[in-house]
Amino acid sequence: MREALGDLARVILAAAVAHVYVVLFFTIAIEETGVPLPIPGDLVIAYYGWRAGGDPWEIAQTILVCAAASTAGTQIPYWLSRRFGRTVTERAAYWLDVDMDRVERLLGWIDRHGFVAVIAARLLPGFRVAVSLVAGTARVPPVDFAAGVFVAGAIYWTLWVMLGVVVGPHVEDLVSPAYVRIIVIAIPLFFVLAFLLRTIAVSRRRARRT
């Protein structure tokens, strides 16, 4: 059994290495649907920036793949909210623990400004997933929404890729390989723990409200 799991892990790792951009695309696309991942996409992109090693073509590929993945992943919440309206948005806001007052303000803003508002809101911390739901509810034209997400994604992911390009080599110089392995294991565990603690805190707040 252990050998079978080891073989499976090696196959998965080999596939990830051989198809790095496919893995990157699906990682970001899944996160953009609102599904939490063990490691935030931001850190994954910073890693890819470090991996690019200053190669302009690799950097450009990484940014474009991420922008395309953001555009693809956001289509699911966008079309769900466009089809079912405020019901989906309100339920998602409840489960994401997003203040409905903020959602209402965002809804009015996107309803008035469309494409430009999608770009601006996608660059605001804490609004990236909510924008897809609100844009669907506001019935922003599909082309405007997709274009806004792509432009915002290109800007946002460029910042994280360049962070990896600039900071990555210095981290590699300062941290020994043994500690790098520990960090690689610790980061997912940290974010899983943070997600669980946040879920517990949200559940308690909901219980107090009821």
Protein backbone atom coordinates (compact mmCIF):
# COMPACT_ATOMS: atom_id res chain seq x y z
CA MET A 1 0.00 0.00 0.00
CA ARG A 2 2.77 2.39 0.96
CA GLU A 3 4.62 1.64 -2.27
CA ALA A 4 1.46 2.25 -4.30
CA LEU A 5 0.94 5.62 -2.63
CA GLY A 6 4.58 6.47 -3.22
CA ASP A 7 4.25 5.59 -6.89
CA LEU A 8 1.09 7.68 -7.16
CA ALA A 9 2.80 10.65 -5.52
CA ARG A 10 5.72 10.37 -7.94
CA VAL A 11 3.35 10.23 -10.92
CA ILE A 12 1.49 13.32 -9.71
CA LEU A 13 4.74 15.17 -9.06
CA ALA A 14 6.12 14.22 -12.47
CA ALA A 15 2.89 15.41 -14.13
CA ALA A 16 3.07 18.70 -12.23
CA VAL A 17 6.68 19.24 -13.31
CA ALA A 18 5.96 18.30 -16.93
CA HIS A 19 2.84 20.47 -17.16
CA VAL A 20 3.61 23.37 -14.84
CA TYR A 21 1.36 25.86 -16.59
CA VAL A 22 -1.59 23.47 -16.71
CA VAL A 23 -1.22 22.93 -12.96
CA LEU A 24 -0.92 26.68 -12.43
CA PHE A 25 -4.03 27.38 -14.52
CA PHE A 26 -6.24 24.94 -12.64
CA THR A 27 -4.87 26.00 -9.24
CA ILE A 28 -5.82 29.64 -9.82
CA ALA A 29 -9.09 28.81 -11.60
CA ILE A 30 -10.25 26.62 -8.71
CA GLU A 31 -9.40 29.30 -6.15
CA GLU A 32 -11.26 31.92 -8.20
CA THR A 33 -14.47 29.89 -7.97
CA GLY A 34 -14.35 30.50 -4.21
CA VAL A 35 -12.95 27.10 -3.21
CA PRO A 36 -10.25 27.56 -0.53
CA LEU A 37 -6.88 25.93 -1.21
CA PRO A 38 -4.25 24.73 1.30
CA ILE A 39 -1.85 27.39 -0.05
CA PRO A 40 -3.13 30.79 -1.23
CA GLY A 41 -2.74 31.37 -4.96
CA ASP A 42 -0.72 34.52 -4.22
CA LEU A 43 2.11 32.46 -2.73
CA VAL A 44 1.91 29.94 -5.56
CA ILE A 45 2.36 32.76 -8.09
CA ALA A 46 5.25 34.25 -6.13
CA TYR A 47 6.89 30.81 -6.28
CA TYR A 48 6.38 30.68 -10.05
CA GLY A 49 7.93 34.16 -10.27
CA TRP A 50 11.00 32.93 -8.39
CA ARG A 51 11.07 29.82 -10.57
CA ALA A 52 11.09 32.00 -13.72
CA GLY A 53 14.58 33.13 -12.75
CA GLY A 54 14.25 36.53 -14.41
CA ASP A 55 13.38 35.05 -17.83
CA PRO A 56 11.01 37.62 -19.45
CA TRP A 57 9.21 34.93 -21.49
CA GLU A 58 8.60 32.75 -18.42
CA ILE A 59 7.39 35.77 -16.45
CA ALA A 60 5.01 36.82 -19.24
CA GLN A 61 3.68 33.26 -19.58
CA THR A 62 3.03 33.03 -15.86
CA ILE A 63 1.13 36.33 -15.78
CA LEU A 64 -0.97 35.53 -18.86
CA VAL A 65 -1.82 32.02 -17.63
CA CYS A 66 -2.90 33.43 -14.26
CA ALA A 67 -5.01 36.17 -15.85
CA ALA A 68 -6.69 33.60 -18.12
CA ALA A 69 -7.26 31.27 -15.14
CA SER A 70 -8.86 34.10 -13.15
CA THR A 71 -11.14 34.87 -16.08
CA ALA A 72 -12.15 31.21 -16.43
CA GLY A 73 -12.62 30.51 -12.71
CA THR A 74 -14.77 33.56 -12.05
CA GLN A 75 -17.26 32.51 -14.71
CA ILE A 76 -18.87 29.94 -12.40
CA PRO A 77 -19.95 32.33 -9.60
CA TYR A 78 -20.72 35.02 -12.19
CA TRP A 79 -23.14 32.86 -14.18
CA LEU A 80 -24.72 31.34 -11.08
CA SER A 81 -25.53 34.77 -9.68
CA ARG A 82 -26.59 36.05 -13.09
CA ARG A 83 -29.02 33.13 -13.40
CA PHE A 84 -30.36 33.03 -9.83
CA GLY A 85 -29.82 36.65 -8.78
CA ARG A 86 -29.55 37.91 -5.22
CA THR A 87 -30.36 34.53 -3.67
CA VAL A 88 -26.96 33.13 -4.66
CA THR A 89 -25.15 36.34 -3.72
CA GLU A 90 -26.73 36.50 -0.26
CA ARG A 91 -26.03 32.84 0.48
CA ALA A 92 -22.44 33.14 -0.71
CA ALA A 93 -21.94 36.28 1.37
CA TYR A 94 -23.26 34.38 4.38
CA TRP A 95 -20.89 31.44 3.91
CA LEU A 96 -17.93 33.69 3.06
CA ASP A 97 -18.81 35.89 6.07
CA VAL A 98 -18.91 39.00 3.89
CA ASP A 99 -20.83 41.97 5.30
CA MET A 100 -23.99 42.45 3.21
CA ASP A 101 -23.68 46.24 3.58
CA ARG A 102 -20.38 46.04 1.73
CA VAL A 103 -21.98 43.80 -0.89
CA GLU A 104 -24.80 46.35 -1.36
CA ARG A 105 -22.31 49.20 -1.84
CA LEU A 106 -20.30 47.10 -4.28
CA LEU A 107 -23.48 46.17 -6.15
CA GLY A 108 -24.41 49.82 -6.64
CA TRP A 109 -20.88 50.72 -7.72
CA ILE A 110 -20.62 47.92 -10.27
CA ASP A 111 -24.16 48.56 -11.50
CA ARG A 112 -23.19 52.18 -12.28
CA HIS A 113 -19.67 51.73 -13.65
CA GLY A 114 -19.55 48.16 -15.03
CA PHE A 115 -16.20 47.34 -16.67
CA VAL A 116 -14.14 49.94 -14.79
CA ALA A 117 -15.71 48.98 -11.45
CA VAL A 118 -14.93 45.29 -12.05
CA ILE A 119 -11.25 46.13 -12.59
CA ALA A 120 -11.04 48.37 -9.53
CA ALA A 121 -12.98 46.04 -7.21
CA ARG A 122 -10.94 43.00 -8.28
CA LEU A 123 -7.84 44.81 -7.01
CA LEU A 124 -9.32 45.47 -3.55
CA PRO A 125 -8.43 42.96 -0.80
CA GLY A 126 -11.42 40.95 0.36
CA PHE A 127 -13.57 41.70 -2.68
CA ARG A 128 -12.10 39.44 -5.37
CA VAL A 129 -14.56 36.54 -4.98
CA ALA A 130 -17.50 38.80 -4.13
CA VAL A 131 -17.03 40.78 -7.36
CA SER A 132 -17.99 37.75 -9.48
CA LEU A 133 -21.25 37.29 -7.59
CA VAL A 134 -22.11 40.98 -7.55
CA ALA A 135 -21.31 41.45 -11.25
CA GLY A 136 -23.63 38.58 -12.11
CA THR A 137 -26.40 39.98 -9.94
CA ALA A 138 -25.92 43.43 -11.52
CA ARG A 139 -26.04 41.73 -14.93
CA VAL A 140 -22.79 43.27 -16.13
CA PRO A 141 -22.41 42.19 -19.79
CA PRO A 142 -20.39 38.93 -19.99
CA VAL A 143 -17.74 40.45 -22.27
CA ASP A 144 -17.27 43.46 -19.98
CA PHE A 145 -17.00 41.22 -16.92
CA ALA A 146 -14.50 38.81 -18.52
CA ALA A 147 -12.39 41.67 -19.90
CA GLY A 148 -12.40 43.45 -16.54
CA VAL A 149 -11.30 40.31 -14.69
CA PHE A 150 -8.53 39.66 -17.23
CA VAL A 151 -7.14 43.21 -17.01
CA ALA A 152 -7.33 43.25 -13.21
CA GLY A 153 -5.76 39.78 -13.10
CA ALA A 154 -2.87 40.87 -15.31
CA ILE A 155 -2.18 43.78 -12.95
CA TYR A 156 -2.64 41.80 -9.73
CA TRP A 157 -0.62 38.76 -10.76
CA THR A 158 2.19 40.90 -12.17
CA LEU A 159 2.74 42.29 -8.67
CA TRP A 160 2.97 38.80 -7.13
CA VAL A 161 5.15 37.40 -9.91
CA MET A 162 7.58 40.30 -9.58
CA LEU A 163 7.60 39.85 -5.80
CA GLY A 164 8.77 36.27 -6.38
CA VAL A 165 11.35 37.42 -8.92
CA VAL A 166 12.81 40.02 -6.56
CA VAL A 167 12.46 38.38 -3.14
CA GLY A 168 12.76 34.68 -4.02
CA PRO A 169 16.53 34.58 -4.69
CA HIS A 170 17.26 36.42 -1.42
CA VAL A 171 15.15 33.93 0.55
CA GLU A 172 16.96 31.08 -1.16
CA ASP A 173 20.34 32.60 -0.20
CA LEU A 174 19.35 33.17 3.43
CA VAL A 175 17.56 29.89 4.14
CA SER A 176 19.29 26.52 4.02
CA PRO A 177 17.74 23.68 1.94
CA ALA A 178 16.73 21.85 5.14
CA TYR A 179 14.74 24.86 6.34
CA VAL A 180 13.21 25.35 2.89
CA ARG A 181 11.69 21.86 3.14
CA ILE A 182 10.30 22.68 6.57
CA ILE A 183 8.84 25.95 5.29
CA VAL A 184 7.24 24.24 2.29
CA ILE A 185 5.49 21.82 4.66
CA ALA A 186 4.65 24.46 7.27
CA ILE A 187 2.99 26.98 4.93
CA PRO A 188 0.09 24.71 3.86
CA LEU A 189 -0.40 23.57 7.46
CA PHE A 190 -0.50 27.17 8.64
CA PHE A 191 -3.16 28.19 6.13
CA VAL A 192 -5.25 25.06 6.74
CA LEU A 193 -5.17 25.87 10.47
CA ALA A 194 -6.04 29.52 9.76
CA PHE A 195 -8.97 28.42 7.58
CA LEU A 196 -10.27 26.07 10.31
CA LEU A 197 -9.98 28.76 12.99
CA ARG A 198 -11.76 31.26 10.74
CA THR A 199 -14.54 28.72 10.09
CA ILE A 200 -14.99 28.17 13.84
CA ALA A 201 -15.05 31.93 14.49
CA VAL A 202 -17.63 32.49 11.75
CA SER A 203 -19.82 29.67 13.11
CA ARG A 204 -19.74 31.21 16.58
CA ARG A 205 -20.69 34.64 15.24
CA ARG A 206 -23.62 33.12 13.35
CA ALA A 207 -24.74 31.27 16.47
CA ARG A 208 -24.73 34.52 18.46
CA ARG A 209 -26.78 36.28 15.77
CA THR A 210 -29.45 33.58 15.95
